[in-house]
Amino acid sequence: MVVAADGSRNAGDLLPPKPVALPVSIDFLGRRFSEPVIIRIAAAYEQATRHRRPPPGFPPLAGEP
């Protein structure tokens, strides 16, 4: 990125990358009335991967770091 002596930038100048936490989801599909199995699978996935992050403004769930 080129910055002029006065600190201004030109239109179209590229900015450096920023780390961004975008929401991502995963879908677990099953047959009709298989909700208990789907919930167990989803809970096992969440515990195994530790990908869950509490939303801002909400405390972590019991047992979470």
Protein backbone atom coordinates (compact mmCIF):
# COMPACT_ATOMS: atom_id res chain seq x y z
CA MET A 1 0.00 0.00 0.00
CA VAL A 2 1.35 3.39 -0.95
CA VAL A 3 0.81 6.20 1.53
CA ALA A 4 1.54 9.78 0.54
CA ALA A 5 3.72 12.05 2.67
CA ASP A 6 0.60 13.62 4.19
CA GLY A 7 -0.76 10.17 5.17
CA SER A 8 -3.48 10.06 2.53
CA ARG A 9 -4.23 7.04 0.39
CA ASN A 10 -5.50 6.71 -3.15
CA ALA A 11 -8.80 5.08 -4.04
CA GLY A 12 -8.26 1.42 -4.87
CA ASP A 13 -5.26 0.98 -2.57
CA LEU A 14 -5.22 -2.43 -0.96
CA LEU A 15 -5.30 -2.76 2.82
CA PRO A 16 -3.44 -5.43 4.77
CA PRO A 17 -5.44 -8.54 5.77
CA LYS A 18 -7.41 -8.48 9.01
CA PRO A 19 -8.24 -11.51 11.14
CA VAL A 20 -12.00 -11.90 11.07
CA ALA A 21 -14.13 -14.40 13.00
CA LEU A 22 -17.00 -15.15 10.65
CA PRO A 23 -19.88 -17.34 11.77
CA VAL A 24 -19.75 -20.82 10.31
CA SER A 25 -22.31 -23.57 10.67
CA ILE A 26 -22.56 -27.29 10.14
CA ASP A 27 -25.77 -29.18 9.47
CA PHE A 28 -26.52 -32.65 10.76
CA LEU A 29 -29.28 -34.31 8.77
CA GLY A 30 -31.26 -37.41 9.59
CA ARG A 31 -34.49 -39.21 9.00
CA ARG A 32 -37.77 -38.16 10.52
CA PHE A 33 -37.96 -38.57 14.30
CA SER A 34 -34.19 -39.16 14.60
CA GLU A 35 -33.63 -35.96 16.61
CA PRO A 36 -32.21 -37.74 19.70
CA VAL A 37 -29.51 -39.38 17.57
CA ILE A 38 -28.75 -36.13 15.74
CA ILE A 39 -28.43 -34.23 19.03
CA ARG A 40 -26.03 -36.88 20.43
CA ILE A 41 -23.92 -36.71 17.25
CA ALA A 42 -23.83 -32.90 17.33
CA ALA A 43 -22.92 -32.85 21.04
CA ALA A 44 -20.13 -35.39 20.48
CA TYR A 45 -18.78 -33.32 17.58
CA GLU A 46 -18.84 -30.16 19.70
CA GLN A 47 -17.01 -31.85 22.58
CA ALA A 48 -14.43 -33.54 20.34
CA THR A 49 -13.49 -30.47 18.30
CA ARG A 50 -13.80 -27.73 20.95
CA HIS A 51 -14.83 -25.34 18.15
CA ARG A 52 -17.62 -23.72 20.14
CA ARG A 53 -17.03 -20.14 21.23
CA PRO A 54 -19.63 -18.44 23.39
CA PRO A 55 -21.27 -15.46 21.67
CA PRO A 56 -20.13 -12.03 22.91
CA GLY A 57 -22.17 -10.95 25.90
CA PHE A 58 -22.98 -14.50 27.05
CA PRO A 59 -20.98 -16.45 29.64
CA PRO A 60 -19.45 -19.85 28.81
CA LEU A 61 -21.56 -22.92 29.56
CA ALA A 62 -20.93 -24.91 32.73
CA GLY A 63 -17.81 -27.02 32.33
CA GLU A 64 -16.32 -24.89 29.54
CA PRO A 65 -12.98 -23.15 29.95
